[in-house]
Protein backbone atom coordinates (compact mmCIF):
# COMPACT_ATOMS: atom_id res chain seq x y z
CA UNK A 1 0.04 0.31 0.17
CA UNK A 2 1.60 3.41 -0.63
CA UNK A 3 -0.04 6.64 -1.82
CA UNK A 4 1.14 9.36 -3.95
CA UNK A 5 1.12 13.02 -4.08
CA UNK A 6 1.49 15.08 -7.49
CA UNK A 7 4.27 14.38 -9.90
CA UNK A 8 6.34 17.18 -10.12
CA UNK A 9 6.79 17.34 -13.48
CA UNK A 10 2.62 17.83 -14.00
CA UNK A 11 2.50 20.64 -12.00
CA UNK A 12 1.62 23.40 -13.29
CA UNK A 13 3.96 26.65 -12.85
CA UNK A 14 1.55 28.25 -10.28
CA UNK A 15 1.28 25.06 -7.81
CA UNK A 16 5.03 24.52 -8.33
CA UNK A 17 5.45 28.21 -6.35
CA UNK A 18 3.32 27.16 -3.89
CA UNK A 19 4.37 23.69 -3.20
CA UNK A 20 7.75 23.05 -1.25
CA UNK A 21 10.07 20.48 -2.06
CA UNK A 22 9.42 16.84 -1.85
CA UNK A 23 9.46 14.36 0.71
CA UNK A 24 10.00 10.56 0.57
CA UNK A 25 8.41 8.79 3.81
CA UNK A 26 9.38 5.41 4.12
CA UNK A 27 7.52 3.05 7.12
CA UNK A 28 5.98 -0.31 7.54
CA UNK A 29 3.09 1.31 10.14
CA UNK A 30 0.33 2.74 7.99
CA UNK A 31 -1.46 4.74 10.81
CA UNK A 32 1.83 6.60 10.52
CA UNK A 33 2.59 7.36 6.84
CA UNK A 34 -1.01 8.49 6.78
CA UNK A 35 -0.35 10.94 9.62
CA UNK A 36 2.97 12.57 8.56
CA UNK A 37 1.68 12.45 5.06
CA UNK A 38 -1.36 14.89 5.90
CA UNK A 39 0.90 17.14 8.64
CA UNK A 40 3.50 17.33 5.79
CA UNK A 41 1.17 18.35 2.73
CA UNK A 42 -0.78 20.15 5.07
CA UNK A 43 2.30 22.47 5.17
CA UNK A 44 2.86 22.38 1.28
CA UNK A 45 5.31 19.88 0.91
CA UNK A 46 4.90 17.53 -2.22
CA UNK A 47 4.32 13.70 0.08
CA UNK A 48 4.89 10.38 -1.25
CA UNK A 49 4.77 7.66 1.47
CA UNK A 50 5.68 4.26 0.83
CA UNK A 51 6.09 0.56 2.98
CA UNK A 52 8.29 -0.62 1.21
CA UNK A 53 12.88 -0.16 -0.23
CA UNK A 54 11.94 -1.15 -3.68
CA UNK A 55 9.27 0.98 -4.42
CA UNK A 56 11.14 3.80 -2.66
CA UNK A 57 14.02 3.32 -4.77
CA UNK A 58 11.50 3.57 -7.63
CA UNK A 59 10.29 6.83 -6.13
CA UNK A 60 13.88 7.97 -6.38
CA UNK A 61 14.57 7.37 -10.02
CA UNK A 62 10.82 8.89 -11.19
CA UNK A 63 10.76 12.20 -8.33
CA UNK A 64 12.93 14.48 -7.38
CA UNK A 65 12.63 13.87 -3.99
CA UNK A 66 14.85 16.51 -0.69
CA UNK A 67 13.90 14.60 1.80
CA UNK A 68 13.40 10.67 2.88
CA UNK A 69 12.39 9.73 6.62
CA UNK A 70 12.76 6.18 6.46
CA UNK A 71 12.01 3.82 9.10
CA UNK A 72 15.90 1.96 10.95
CA UNK A 73 13.71 -1.70 9.60
CA UNK A 74 11.42 -2.44 6.84
CA UNK A 75 9.86 -5.44 5.65
CA UNK A 76 12.56 -6.97 7.50
CA UNK A 77 15.68 -5.13 6.46
CA UNK A 78 17.51 -2.37 7.87
CA UNK A 79 17.54 0.83 5.60
CA UNK A 80 20.81 1.98 6.41
CA UNK A 81 22.78 -0.20 3.41
CA UNK A 82 19.75 1.86 0.91
CA UNK A 83 20.58 5.20 2.60
CA UNK A 84 24.99 4.22 1.76
CA UNK A 85 23.80 4.09 -1.73
CA UNK A 86 21.42 6.67 -2.50
CA UNK A 87 24.09 9.57 -0.26
CA UNK A 88 26.33 8.76 -3.05
CA UNK A 89 23.59 9.24 -5.86
CA UNK A 90 22.25 12.50 -3.91
CA UNK A 91 25.00 13.26 -1.35
CA UNK A 92 22.72 16.78 -0.44
CA UNK A 93 20.08 14.30 0.59
CA UNK A 94 18.34 14.94 3.93
CA UNK A 95 17.97 11.65 5.83
CA UNK A 96 15.58 11.28 8.52
CA UNK A 97 15.92 7.98 10.41
CA UNK A 98 12.78 6.90 13.04
CA UNK A 99 12.82 3.47 15.30
CA UNK A 100 11.30 2.24 17.78
CA UNK A 101 14.33 -0.11 18.69
CA UNK A 102 17.13 0.50 20.94
CA UNK A 103 19.75 0.78 19.13
CA UNK A 104 23.17 0.45 20.30
CA UNK A 105 26.17 2.79 20.10
CA UNK A 106 27.97 0.67 17.76
CA UNK A 107 24.53 0.42 15.29
CA UNK A 108 24.34 4.44 16.23
CA UNK A 109 27.72 5.10 14.43
CA UNK A 110 26.68 3.09 11.75
CA UNK A 111 23.91 4.87 11.21
CA UNK A 112 25.23 8.54 11.34
CA UNK A 113 28.19 7.15 8.95
CA UNK A 114 25.69 5.92 6.66
CA UNK A 115 24.79 9.60 6.30
CA UNK A 116 21.83 9.74 8.57
CA UNK A 117 21.20 13.71 9.60
CA UNK A 118 18.32 13.13 12.23
CA UNK A 119 17.70 10.16 14.49
CA UNK A 120 13.95 10.14 16.74
CA UNK A 121 13.12 6.90 18.57
CA UNK A 122 9.22 6.21 18.26
CA UNK A 123 7.02 7.36 19.87
CA UNK A 124 7.77 11.42 18.88
CA UNK A 125 6.77 14.62 18.15
CA UNK A 126 5.44 15.57 14.97
CA UNK A 127 6.26 19.21 15.95
CA UNK A 128 10.29 18.48 16.66
CA UNK A 129 9.97 16.21 13.16
CA UNK A 130 9.27 19.51 11.70
CA UNK A 131 11.25 21.45 12.72
CA UNK A 132 14.17 18.87 12.25
CA UNK A 133 13.53 18.81 8.45
CA UNK A 134 13.06 22.51 7.93
CA UNK A 135 16.43 22.71 9.32
CA UNK A 136 17.41 19.96 6.99
CA UNK A 137 15.91 21.14 4.05
CA UNK A 138 17.33 25.22 4.85
CA UNK A 139 21.25 23.26 4.98
CA UNK A 140 20.62 21.09 1.89
CA UNK A 141 19.99 24.16 -0.29
CA UNK A 142 22.82 25.67 0.84
CA UNK A 143 24.90 22.67 0.11
CA UNK A 144 22.74 22.52 -3.34
CA UNK A 145 23.60 26.36 -3.94
CA UNK A 146 27.19 25.92 -3.01
CA UNK A 147 28.00 22.77 -5.53
CA UNK A 148 26.13 24.61 -8.27
CA UNK A 149 28.37 27.86 -7.39
CA UNK A 150 31.71 26.23 -7.35
CA UNK A 151 30.48 24.50 -10.96
CA UNK A 152 30.22 27.71 -12.29
CA UNK A 153 33.56 28.80 -10.89
CA UNK A 154 35.16 25.21 -12.69
């Protein structure tokens, strides 16, 4: 089960100005997917909510994703290796991880070294998630602007 929002390519110029970045949410819990999707869409983000890694990978091919909010374990798979690959392809991608598991110091180090920007334990405050998401997207924009200026200079 997954929910689609709007393909960025098909948005009219007017709607592109109104809507913000595209956020991909990857989690197995349908209620969490739906709640986060509605909350972020209310804040004018384009959201794509999926419950499996294969669908998430396809979405990165089809859409311009600005941020990933993912569960630590999805469909009996750890998402850390998947995040490592994504960060190689999209170095400016903001990644937030959610988990209900107790994470050891060794696992925490592995998560952070994979490129996860923020890690939250469930249950969490949606407002805190939103604040970190906004901050992460601002930093991502700065990163992409720097990268673009660097290319212009070369």
